[in-house]
């Protein structure tokens, strides 16, 4: 009995191109290039599909052939708190090296620390673990989400600390009972 999970980072948006953390309530649409990239995603038709409620994830899902993907709040991007809306250069200018510590904390499922007014690493990973725990035992799942939740899922299932996942990356995981393994990764 095996479950296959395809984790999809949404297609490109303007904040991606600006290399800027999105505002908490910002719901940027896909760029025209992002729309074309989403249409080219090759995912298994008929899979149980979930999506972050964000516009960029819902658009990616629809253009990839999953217009009825179930909006799932557990798949939203991490809450970046005071980092939201800023580029890394801007953050370093205002906060010196503190943003480095905040992002490291968000990437650690054991730390009860994170950016001010944002999520902690522990809370963020607990949210993603709740979603992982809700998945069926068998079948095929597609989840349209963001870089943060995709990376958190990789940490929680495989222990992967870091990986480069540009927009429209598809990571395929498999699970049998409690064992997870990487079955593939496609980058644009």
N, C-alpha and C. Protein backbone atom coordinates (compact mmCIF):
# COMPACT_ATOMS: atom_id res chain seq x y z
N UNK A 1 0.85 -1.18 0.00
CA UNK A 1 0.00 0.00 0.00
C UNK A 1 0.89 1.23 0.00
N UNK A 2 0.85 1.97 -1.10
CA UNK A 2 1.73 3.12 -1.26
C UNK A 2 0.93 4.37 -1.59
N UNK A 3 1.35 5.48 -1.00
CA UNK A 3 0.81 6.80 -1.32
C UNK A 3 1.87 7.54 -2.11
N UNK A 4 1.47 8.21 -3.18
CA UNK A 4 2.36 9.07 -3.96
C UNK A 4 1.87 10.50 -3.80
N UNK A 5 2.77 11.40 -3.42
CA UNK A 5 2.44 12.81 -3.20
C UNK A 5 3.32 13.66 -4.11
N UNK A 6 2.67 14.47 -4.93
CA UNK A 6 3.37 15.41 -5.80
C UNK A 6 3.21 16.81 -5.18
N UNK A 7 4.30 17.36 -4.66
CA UNK A 7 4.29 18.71 -4.08
C UNK A 7 4.71 19.69 -5.16
N UNK A 8 3.86 20.67 -5.45
CA UNK A 8 4.11 21.61 -6.54
C UNK A 8 4.25 23.01 -5.97
N UNK A 9 5.40 23.64 -6.23
CA UNK A 9 5.54 25.05 -5.89
C UNK A 9 4.83 25.85 -6.97
N UNK A 10 4.01 26.81 -6.57
CA UNK A 10 3.24 27.59 -7.54
C UNK A 10 4.15 28.23 -8.59
N UNK A 11 3.55 28.60 -9.72
CA UNK A 11 4.26 29.25 -10.82
C UNK A 11 4.67 30.67 -10.42
N UNK A 12 5.58 31.29 -11.20
CA UNK A 12 6.13 32.61 -10.84
C UNK A 12 5.11 33.74 -10.74
N UNK A 13 5.40 34.65 -9.79
CA UNK A 13 4.63 35.87 -9.58
C UNK A 13 5.61 37.05 -9.58
N UNK A 14 5.08 38.26 -9.55
CA UNK A 14 5.95 39.44 -9.49
C UNK A 14 6.82 39.44 -8.22
N UNK A 15 6.29 39.12 -7.01
CA UNK A 15 7.16 39.09 -5.83
C UNK A 15 8.31 38.08 -5.97
N UNK A 16 8.07 36.95 -6.67
CA UNK A 16 9.16 36.01 -6.92
C UNK A 16 10.27 36.68 -7.71
N UNK A 17 9.89 37.39 -8.77
CA UNK A 17 10.87 38.05 -9.63
C UNK A 17 11.63 39.14 -8.86
N UNK A 18 10.95 39.78 -7.92
CA UNK A 18 11.58 40.83 -7.10
C UNK A 18 12.40 40.25 -5.96
N UNK A 19 12.33 38.92 -5.77
CA UNK A 19 13.01 38.22 -4.68
C UNK A 19 12.63 38.87 -3.34
N UNK A 20 11.30 39.03 -3.19
CA UNK A 20 10.73 39.70 -2.03
C UNK A 20 9.79 38.74 -1.32
N UNK A 21 9.87 38.75 0.02
CA UNK A 21 8.91 37.97 0.81
C UNK A 21 7.52 38.60 0.61
N UNK A 22 6.51 37.79 0.34
CA UNK A 22 5.18 38.38 0.12
C UNK A 22 4.58 38.92 1.42
N UNK A 23 3.75 39.94 1.29
CA UNK A 23 2.96 40.42 2.43
C UNK A 23 2.00 39.32 2.84
N UNK A 24 1.63 39.29 4.09
CA UNK A 24 0.73 38.25 4.59
C UNK A 24 -0.57 38.19 3.81
N UNK A 25 -1.15 39.33 3.48
CA UNK A 25 -2.44 39.36 2.77
C UNK A 25 -2.28 39.57 1.27
N UNK A 26 -1.03 39.62 0.78
CA UNK A 26 -0.78 39.82 -0.64
C UNK A 26 -1.18 38.55 -1.40
N UNK A 27 -1.92 38.73 -2.45
CA UNK A 27 -2.38 37.59 -3.23
C UNK A 27 -2.02 37.83 -4.69
N UNK A 28 -0.73 37.88 -4.97
CA UNK A 28 -0.24 38.20 -6.30
C UNK A 28 -0.63 37.14 -7.32
N UNK A 29 -1.10 37.57 -8.48
CA UNK A 29 -1.42 36.60 -9.54
C UNK A 29 -0.14 36.12 -10.22
N UNK A 30 -0.27 35.09 -11.03
CA UNK A 30 0.85 34.60 -11.80
C UNK A 30 1.23 35.61 -12.87
N UNK A 31 2.50 35.63 -13.21
CA UNK A 31 2.94 36.44 -14.34
C UNK A 31 2.51 35.72 -15.62
N UNK A 32 2.53 36.40 -16.77
CA UNK A 32 2.22 35.70 -18.02
C UNK A 32 3.14 34.49 -18.24
N UNK A 33 4.43 34.64 -17.92
CA UNK A 33 5.36 33.51 -18.04
C UNK A 33 4.94 32.39 -17.07
N UNK A 34 4.51 32.77 -15.86
CA UNK A 34 4.05 31.79 -14.89
C UNK A 34 2.85 31.01 -15.38
N UNK A 35 1.92 31.69 -16.06
CA UNK A 35 0.75 31.01 -16.62
C UNK A 35 1.18 29.95 -17.62
N UNK A 36 2.12 30.31 -18.50
CA UNK A 36 2.61 29.34 -19.49
C UNK A 36 3.29 28.15 -18.82
N UNK A 37 4.09 28.43 -17.78
CA UNK A 37 4.78 27.35 -17.07
C UNK A 37 3.79 26.41 -16.40
N UNK A 38 2.74 26.97 -15.78
CA UNK A 38 1.74 26.15 -15.10
C UNK A 38 1.02 25.23 -16.09
N UNK A 39 0.76 25.73 -17.29
CA UNK A 39 0.07 24.92 -18.30
C UNK A 39 0.92 23.73 -18.75
N UNK A 40 2.22 23.82 -18.59
CA UNK A 40 3.12 22.75 -19.03
C UNK A 40 3.38 21.69 -17.95
N UNK A 41 2.87 21.90 -16.75
CA UNK A 41 3.08 20.91 -15.70
C UNK A 41 2.41 19.59 -16.09
N UNK A 42 3.15 18.51 -15.94
CA UNK A 42 2.62 17.18 -16.27
C UNK A 42 2.39 16.42 -14.98
N UNK A 43 1.13 16.39 -14.56
CA UNK A 43 0.75 15.76 -13.29
C UNK A 43 -0.33 14.73 -13.57
N UNK A 44 -0.46 13.73 -12.70
CA UNK A 44 -1.43 12.66 -12.96
C UNK A 44 -2.88 13.12 -12.84
N UNK A 45 -3.58 13.06 -13.98
CA UNK A 45 -5.00 13.41 -13.97
C UNK A 45 -5.72 12.44 -13.04
N UNK A 46 -6.69 12.93 -12.34
CA UNK A 46 -7.46 12.06 -11.45
C UNK A 46 -6.90 11.96 -10.05
N UNK A 47 -5.73 12.57 -9.80
CA UNK A 47 -5.17 12.55 -8.44
C UNK A 47 -6.04 13.41 -7.53
N UNK A 48 -6.06 13.07 -6.26
CA UNK A 48 -6.71 13.90 -5.26
C UNK A 48 -5.90 15.18 -5.15
N UNK A 49 -6.52 16.33 -5.38
CA UNK A 49 -5.77 17.58 -5.47
C UNK A 49 -6.13 18.56 -4.36
N UNK A 50 -5.08 19.14 -3.77
CA UNK A 50 -5.20 20.17 -2.74
C UNK A 50 -4.46 21.41 -3.23
N UNK A 51 -4.84 22.56 -2.72
CA UNK A 51 -4.14 23.79 -3.04
C UNK A 51 -4.15 24.73 -1.85
N UNK A 52 -3.08 25.49 -1.72
CA UNK A 52 -3.11 26.62 -0.80
C UNK A 52 -4.24 27.52 -1.28
N UNK A 53 -4.94 28.22 -0.38
CA UNK A 53 -6.00 29.12 -0.81
C UNK A 53 -5.51 30.35 -1.58
N UNK A 54 -4.20 30.56 -1.64
CA UNK A 54 -3.67 31.74 -2.32
C UNK A 54 -4.02 31.72 -3.81
N UNK A 55 -4.19 32.91 -4.37
CA UNK A 55 -4.52 33.05 -5.79
C UNK A 55 -3.45 32.37 -6.64
N UNK A 56 -2.17 32.59 -6.33
CA UNK A 56 -1.09 32.03 -7.16
C UNK A 56 -1.11 30.50 -7.18
N UNK A 57 -1.46 29.89 -6.05
CA UNK A 57 -1.54 28.43 -6.02
C UNK A 57 -2.79 27.93 -6.73
N UNK A 58 -3.91 28.60 -6.51
CA UNK A 58 -5.16 28.20 -7.18
C UNK A 58 -5.04 28.34 -8.70
N UNK A 59 -4.39 29.44 -9.15
CA UNK A 59 -4.20 29.62 -10.59
C UNK A 59 -3.30 28.52 -11.15
N UNK A 60 -2.23 28.20 -10.44
CA UNK A 60 -1.33 27.14 -10.90
C UNK A 60 -2.10 25.83 -11.00
N UNK A 61 -2.90 25.52 -9.99
CA UNK A 61 -3.68 24.28 -10.01
C UNK A 61 -4.63 24.24 -11.20
N UNK A 62 -5.36 25.32 -11.41
CA UNK A 62 -6.33 25.35 -12.51
C UNK A 62 -5.64 25.20 -13.86
N UNK A 63 -4.55 25.93 -14.06
CA UNK A 63 -3.84 25.87 -15.35
C UNK A 63 -3.16 24.52 -15.57
N UNK A 64 -2.85 23.81 -14.48
CA UNK A 64 -2.23 22.49 -14.59
C UNK A 64 -3.27 21.38 -14.75
N UNK A 65 -4.55 21.76 -14.79
CA UNK A 65 -5.60 20.77 -15.00
C UNK A 65 -6.36 20.34 -13.76
N UNK A 66 -6.22 21.12 -12.67
CA UNK A 66 -6.90 20.78 -11.42
C UNK A 66 -7.74 21.97 -10.92
N UNK A 67 -8.75 22.39 -11.70
CA UNK A 67 -9.54 23.56 -11.30
C UNK A 67 -10.37 23.33 -10.04
N UNK A 68 -10.59 22.08 -9.66
CA UNK A 68 -11.39 21.76 -8.48
C UNK A 68 -10.53 21.35 -7.29
N UNK A 69 -9.23 21.69 -7.31
CA UNK A 69 -8.35 21.36 -6.17
C UNK A 69 -8.94 21.96 -4.90
N UNK A 70 -8.90 21.20 -3.82
CA UNK A 70 -9.49 21.60 -2.55
C UNK A 70 -8.62 22.65 -1.85
N UNK A 71 -9.12 23.89 -1.67
CA UNK A 71 -8.34 24.89 -0.93
C UNK A 71 -8.12 24.42 0.51
N UNK A 72 -6.86 24.42 0.93
CA UNK A 72 -6.46 23.86 2.21
C UNK A 72 -5.59 24.87 2.96
N UNK A 73 -6.14 25.55 3.98
CA UNK A 73 -5.37 26.57 4.70
C UNK A 73 -4.05 26.06 5.29
N UNK A 74 -3.95 24.77 5.59
CA UNK A 74 -2.70 24.24 6.14
C UNK A 74 -1.54 24.39 5.16
N UNK A 75 -1.82 24.58 3.87
CA UNK A 75 -0.78 24.68 2.85
C UNK A 75 -0.34 26.10 2.54
N UNK A 76 -0.82 27.10 3.30
CA UNK A 76 -0.38 28.48 3.03
C UNK A 76 1.10 28.64 3.37
N UNK A 77 1.70 29.67 2.80
CA UNK A 77 3.10 29.96 3.06
C UNK A 77 3.29 30.32 4.53
N UNK A 78 4.51 30.20 5.00
CA UNK A 78 4.83 30.59 6.37
C UNK A 78 4.47 32.06 6.59
N UNK A 79 4.11 32.39 7.80
CA UNK A 79 3.88 33.79 8.16
C UNK A 79 5.23 34.40 8.50
N UNK A 80 5.70 35.29 7.64
CA UNK A 80 7.02 35.89 7.78
C UNK A 80 7.06 37.10 8.71
N UNK A 81 5.93 37.50 9.26
CA UNK A 81 5.91 38.60 10.21
C UNK A 81 6.54 39.87 9.64
N UNK A 82 7.49 40.45 10.37
CA UNK A 82 8.11 41.72 9.95
C UNK A 82 8.93 41.60 8.67
N UNK A 83 9.20 40.38 8.23
CA UNK A 83 9.95 40.18 6.99
C UNK A 83 9.08 40.38 5.75
N UNK A 84 7.78 40.27 5.91
CA UNK A 84 6.85 40.33 4.78
C UNK A 84 6.97 41.65 4.03
N UNK A 85 6.98 41.54 2.72
CA UNK A 85 7.02 42.71 1.86
C UNK A 85 8.41 43.25 1.60
N UNK A 86 9.43 42.61 2.15
CA UNK A 86 10.79 43.14 2.04
C UNK A 86 11.71 42.17 1.29
N UNK A 87 12.71 42.74 0.65
CA UNK A 87 13.77 41.93 0.04
C UNK A 87 14.81 41.63 1.11
N UNK A 88 15.71 40.69 0.81
CA UNK A 88 16.76 40.35 1.77
C UNK A 88 17.66 41.55 2.04
N UNK A 89 18.00 42.31 1.01
CA UNK A 89 18.86 43.49 1.18
C UNK A 89 18.20 44.50 2.11
N UNK A 90 16.91 44.70 1.93
CA UNK A 90 16.17 45.62 2.80
C UNK A 90 16.16 45.12 4.24
N UNK A 91 15.95 43.82 4.41
CA UNK A 91 15.94 43.25 5.77
C UNK A 91 17.29 43.42 6.45
N UNK A 92 18.38 43.17 5.74
CA UNK A 92 19.71 43.32 6.34
C UNK A 92 19.99 44.77 6.69
N UNK A 93 19.52 45.70 5.84
CA UNK A 93 19.73 47.12 6.12
C UNK A 93 19.01 47.53 7.40
N UNK A 94 17.81 47.02 7.60
CA UNK A 94 17.01 47.41 8.76
C UNK A 94 17.35 46.59 10.01
N UNK A 95 17.58 45.28 9.84
CA UNK A 95 17.72 44.39 10.99
C UNK A 95 19.10 43.73 11.13
N UNK A 96 20.05 44.13 10.30
CA UNK A 96 21.41 43.55 10.33
C UNK A 96 21.33 42.04 10.09
N UNK A 97 21.89 41.23 11.00
CA UNK A 97 21.92 39.77 10.77
C UNK A 97 20.73 39.03 11.39
N UNK A 98 19.80 39.73 12.01
CA UNK A 98 18.65 39.07 12.63
C UNK A 98 17.81 38.26 11.65
N UNK A 99 17.57 38.72 10.40
CA UNK A 99 16.78 37.90 9.48
C UNK A 99 17.38 36.52 9.22
N UNK A 100 18.68 36.42 9.23
CA UNK A 100 19.32 35.11 9.06
C UNK A 100 18.87 34.18 10.18
N UNK A 101 18.84 34.67 11.41
CA UNK A 101 18.40 33.85 12.55
C UNK A 101 16.91 33.50 12.44
N UNK A 102 16.11 34.45 11.96
CA UNK A 102 14.68 34.19 11.83
C UNK A 102 14.40 33.11 10.79
N UNK A 103 15.09 33.19 9.64
CA UNK A 103 14.85 32.17 8.61
C UNK A 103 15.37 30.81 9.04
N UNK A 104 16.47 30.79 9.76
CA UNK A 104 16.98 29.51 10.29
C UNK A 104 15.98 28.91 11.28
N UNK A 105 15.37 29.74 12.10
CA UNK A 105 14.37 29.26 13.06
C UNK A 105 13.14 28.71 12.34
N UNK A 106 12.68 29.42 11.30
CA UNK A 106 11.52 28.93 10.54
C UNK A 106 11.81 27.59 9.89
N UNK A 107 13.08 27.31 9.60
CA UNK A 107 13.46 26.06 8.94
C UNK A 107 13.73 24.93 9.92
N UNK A 108 13.47 25.16 11.19
CA UNK A 108 13.75 24.13 12.21
C UNK A 108 12.47 23.74 12.92
N UNK A 109 12.02 22.49 12.74
CA UNK A 109 10.76 22.07 13.36
C UNK A 109 10.78 21.99 14.88
N UNK A 110 11.93 22.19 15.50
CA UNK A 110 12.01 22.06 16.96
C UNK A 110 12.09 23.40 17.68
N UNK A 111 12.22 24.50 16.94
CA UNK A 111 12.47 25.80 17.57
C UNK A 111 11.19 26.62 17.73
N UNK A 112 10.98 27.10 18.94
CA UNK A 112 9.83 27.95 19.24
C UNK A 112 10.26 29.41 19.11
N UNK A 113 10.72 29.75 17.91
CA UNK A 113 11.24 31.08 17.62
C UNK A 113 11.02 31.32 16.14
N UNK A 114 10.90 32.55 15.73
CA UNK A 114 10.75 32.90 14.33
C UNK A 114 10.78 34.40 14.19
N UNK A 115 10.45 34.92 13.02
CA UNK A 115 10.45 36.37 12.85
C UNK A 115 9.40 37.03 13.74
N UNK A 116 9.70 38.20 14.28
CA UNK A 116 8.69 38.90 15.09
C UNK A 116 7.37 39.02 14.32
N UNK A 117 6.29 38.78 15.01
CA UNK A 117 4.93 38.83 14.48
C UNK A 117 4.66 37.74 13.44
N UNK A 118 5.54 36.74 13.35
CA UNK A 118 5.37 35.66 12.39
C UNK A 118 5.26 34.32 13.09
N UNK A 119 5.31 33.26 12.31
CA UNK A 119 5.25 31.91 12.84
C UNK A 119 6.59 31.47 13.40
N UNK A 120 6.55 30.54 14.33
CA UNK A 120 7.78 29.91 14.81
C UNK A 120 8.06 28.69 13.94
N UNK A 121 9.28 28.22 13.97
CA UNK A 121 9.62 27.01 13.24
C UNK A 121 8.76 25.84 13.68
N UNK A 122 8.57 25.71 14.98
CA UNK A 122 7.78 24.60 15.51
C UNK A 122 6.32 24.67 15.04
N UNK A 123 5.72 25.86 15.14
CA UNK A 123 4.31 26.00 14.74
C UNK A 123 4.13 25.79 13.23
N UNK A 124 5.05 26.32 12.45
CA UNK A 124 4.98 26.18 11.00
C UNK A 124 5.05 24.70 10.60
N UNK A 125 6.02 23.98 11.14
CA UNK A 125 6.17 22.56 10.81
C UNK A 125 5.02 21.71 11.37
N UNK A 126 4.49 22.09 12.52
CA UNK A 126 3.35 21.37 13.07
C UNK A 126 2.14 21.48 12.13
N UNK A 127 1.98 22.64 11.54
CA UNK A 127 0.88 22.84 10.59
C UNK A 127 1.04 21.92 9.38
N UNK A 128 2.25 21.85 8.84
CA UNK A 128 2.50 21.00 7.68
C UNK A 128 2.38 19.51 8.06
N UNK A 129 2.84 19.16 9.26
CA UNK A 129 2.70 17.77 9.72
C UNK A 129 1.23 17.39 9.85
N UNK A 130 0.40 18.31 10.30
CA UNK A 130 -1.03 18.04 10.40
C UNK A 130 -1.60 17.70 9.02
N UNK A 131 -1.17 18.44 7.99
CA UNK A 131 -1.63 18.13 6.64
C UNK A 131 -1.12 16.76 6.19
N UNK A 132 0.17 16.50 6.40
CA UNK A 132 0.73 15.20 6.02
C UNK A 132 -0.01 14.05 6.70
N UNK A 133 -0.34 14.23 7.96
CA UNK A 133 -1.04 13.19 8.72
C UNK A 133 -2.46 12.96 8.22
N UNK A 134 -3.03 13.94 7.53
CA UNK A 134 -4.41 13.82 7.05
C UNK A 134 -4.51 13.10 5.70
N UNK A 135 -3.37 12.80 5.08
CA UNK A 135 -3.38 12.19 3.75
C UNK A 135 -3.85 10.74 3.82
N UNK A 136 -4.44 10.26 2.72
CA UNK A 136 -4.88 8.86 2.70
C UNK A 136 -3.69 7.90 2.73
N UNK A 137 -3.96 6.66 3.04
CA UNK A 137 -2.90 5.63 3.10
C UNK A 137 -2.35 5.29 1.72
N UNK A 138 -3.23 5.31 0.72
CA UNK A 138 -2.83 4.92 -0.64
C UNK A 138 -3.38 5.91 -1.64
N UNK A 139 -2.94 5.78 -2.87
CA UNK A 139 -3.44 6.62 -3.94
C UNK A 139 -2.43 7.65 -4.39
N UNK A 140 -2.94 8.68 -5.05
CA UNK A 140 -2.08 9.72 -5.60
C UNK A 140 -2.65 11.07 -5.22
N UNK A 141 -1.77 11.95 -4.73
CA UNK A 141 -2.15 13.28 -4.27
C UNK A 141 -1.27 14.31 -4.97
N UNK A 142 -1.89 15.43 -5.35
CA UNK A 142 -1.16 16.58 -5.87
C UNK A 142 -1.47 17.74 -4.95
N UNK A 143 -0.43 18.48 -4.52
CA UNK A 143 -0.63 19.62 -3.64
C UNK A 143 0.08 20.84 -4.22
N UNK A 144 -0.67 21.89 -4.51
CA UNK A 144 -0.13 23.14 -5.03
C UNK A 144 0.09 24.08 -3.85
N UNK A 145 1.34 24.45 -3.63
CA UNK A 145 1.68 25.20 -2.43
C UNK A 145 2.82 26.18 -2.71
N UNK A 146 3.61 26.47 -1.70
CA UNK A 146 4.67 27.48 -1.75
C UNK A 146 6.00 26.83 -1.39
N UNK A 147 7.08 27.59 -1.54
CA UNK A 147 8.40 27.05 -1.22
C UNK A 147 8.50 26.62 0.24
N UNK A 148 8.01 27.44 1.15
CA UNK A 148 8.13 27.13 2.58
C UNK A 148 7.46 25.81 2.96
N UNK A 149 6.18 25.61 2.65
CA UNK A 149 5.54 24.33 2.97
C UNK A 149 6.18 23.14 2.25
N UNK A 150 6.61 23.34 1.00
CA UNK A 150 7.27 22.25 0.28
C UNK A 150 8.55 21.85 1.02
N UNK A 151 9.36 22.84 1.41
CA UNK A 151 10.59 22.55 2.15
C UNK A 151 10.30 21.92 3.51
N UNK A 152 9.27 22.41 4.19
CA UNK A 152 8.91 21.83 5.49
C UNK A 152 8.51 20.37 5.33
N UNK A 153 7.74 20.06 4.29
CA UNK A 153 7.34 18.66 4.05
C UNK A 153 8.57 17.79 3.81
N UNK A 154 9.55 18.31 3.09
CA UNK A 154 10.79 17.54 2.85
C UNK A 154 11.58 17.33 4.14
N UNK A 155 11.60 18.34 5.00
CA UNK A 155 12.28 18.18 6.30
C UNK A 155 11.59 17.12 7.14
N UNK A 156 10.27 17.18 7.18
CA UNK A 156 9.50 16.28 8.03
C UNK A 156 9.47 14.84 7.53
N UNK A 157 9.52 14.65 6.23
CA UNK A 157 9.43 13.30 5.68
C UNK A 157 10.79 12.67 5.42
N UNK A 158 11.74 13.46 4.91
CA UNK A 158 13.03 12.91 4.49
C UNK A 158 14.23 13.44 5.28
N UNK A 159 14.00 14.48 6.09
CA UNK A 159 15.11 15.08 6.82
C UNK A 159 15.99 15.98 5.97
N UNK A 160 15.50 16.39 4.80
CA UNK A 160 16.25 17.27 3.90
C UNK A 160 16.28 18.68 4.51
N UNK A 161 17.47 19.19 4.73
CA UNK A 161 17.60 20.51 5.35
C UNK A 161 17.37 21.65 4.37
N UNK A 162 17.84 21.49 3.13
CA UNK A 162 17.72 22.57 2.16
C UNK A 162 17.77 22.00 0.75
N UNK A 163 17.02 22.62 -0.13
CA UNK A 163 17.02 22.23 -1.53
C UNK A 163 16.52 23.43 -2.34
N UNK A 164 17.03 23.59 -3.53
CA UNK A 164 16.60 24.69 -4.38
C UNK A 164 15.34 24.27 -5.13
N UNK A 165 14.28 25.05 -4.98
CA UNK A 165 13.00 24.73 -5.62
C UNK A 165 12.44 25.99 -6.29
N UNK A 166 12.86 26.27 -7.51
CA UNK A 166 12.30 27.43 -8.20
C UNK A 166 10.80 27.25 -8.44
N UNK A 167 10.09 28.33 -8.75
CA UNK A 167 8.67 28.20 -9.06
C UNK A 167 8.42 27.12 -10.11
N UNK A 168 7.35 26.38 -9.94
CA UNK A 168 6.92 25.25 -10.78
C UNK A 168 7.74 23.99 -10.57
N UNK A 169 8.51 23.93 -9.48
CA UNK A 169 9.18 22.67 -9.13
C UNK A 169 8.12 21.67 -8.68
N UNK A 170 8.30 20.41 -9.06
CA UNK A 170 7.44 19.32 -8.61
C UNK A 170 8.33 18.30 -7.91
N UNK A 171 8.06 18.06 -6.64
CA UNK A 171 8.77 17.04 -5.87
C UNK A 171 7.79 15.89 -5.64
N UNK A 172 8.21 14.68 -5.99
CA UNK A 172 7.34 13.51 -5.82
C UNK A 172 7.89 12.63 -4.71
N UNK A 173 7.05 12.44 -3.71
CA UNK A 173 7.38 11.59 -2.57
C UNK A 173 6.48 10.36 -2.59
N UNK A 174 6.98 9.29 -2.01
CA UNK A 174 6.16 8.09 -1.82
C UNK A 174 6.22 7.70 -0.35
N UNK A 175 5.11 7.11 0.10
CA UNK A 175 5.05 6.65 1.50
C UNK A 175 4.42 5.27 1.53
N UNK A 176 5.06 4.39 2.28
CA UNK A 176 4.49 3.09 2.58
C UNK A 176 4.56 2.92 4.08
N UNK A 177 3.40 2.80 4.71
CA UNK A 177 3.29 2.80 6.17
C UNK A 177 3.94 4.08 6.69
N UNK A 178 5.00 4.02 7.50
CA UNK A 178 5.61 5.24 8.05
C UNK A 178 6.85 5.67 7.29
N UNK A 179 7.22 4.94 6.24
CA UNK A 179 8.46 5.23 5.51
C UNK A 179 8.20 6.11 4.29
N UNK A 180 8.94 7.21 4.21
CA UNK A 180 8.86 8.14 3.08
C UNK A 180 10.15 8.04 2.27
N UNK A 181 10.04 8.25 0.94
CA UNK A 181 11.24 8.34 0.11
C UNK A 181 10.96 9.26 -1.05
N UNK A 182 12.06 9.80 -1.61
CA UNK A 182 12.00 10.69 -2.76
C UNK A 182 11.88 9.84 -4.02
N UNK A 183 10.85 10.10 -4.81
CA UNK A 183 10.64 9.36 -6.04
C UNK A 183 11.03 10.18 -7.27
N UNK A 184 11.17 11.48 -7.11
CA UNK A 184 11.56 12.31 -8.25
C UNK A 184 11.44 13.78 -7.94
N UNK A 185 12.12 14.57 -8.78
CA UNK A 185 12.05 16.03 -8.65
C UNK A 185 12.23 16.62 -10.04
N UNK A 186 11.30 17.47 -10.42
CA UNK A 186 11.35 18.16 -11.71
C UNK A 186 11.43 19.65 -11.46
N UNK A 187 12.39 20.30 -12.09
CA UNK A 187 12.49 21.75 -12.01
C UNK A 187 12.32 22.31 -13.42
N UNK A 188 11.77 23.51 -13.50
CA UNK A 188 11.55 24.11 -14.85
C UNK A 188 12.86 24.43 -15.54
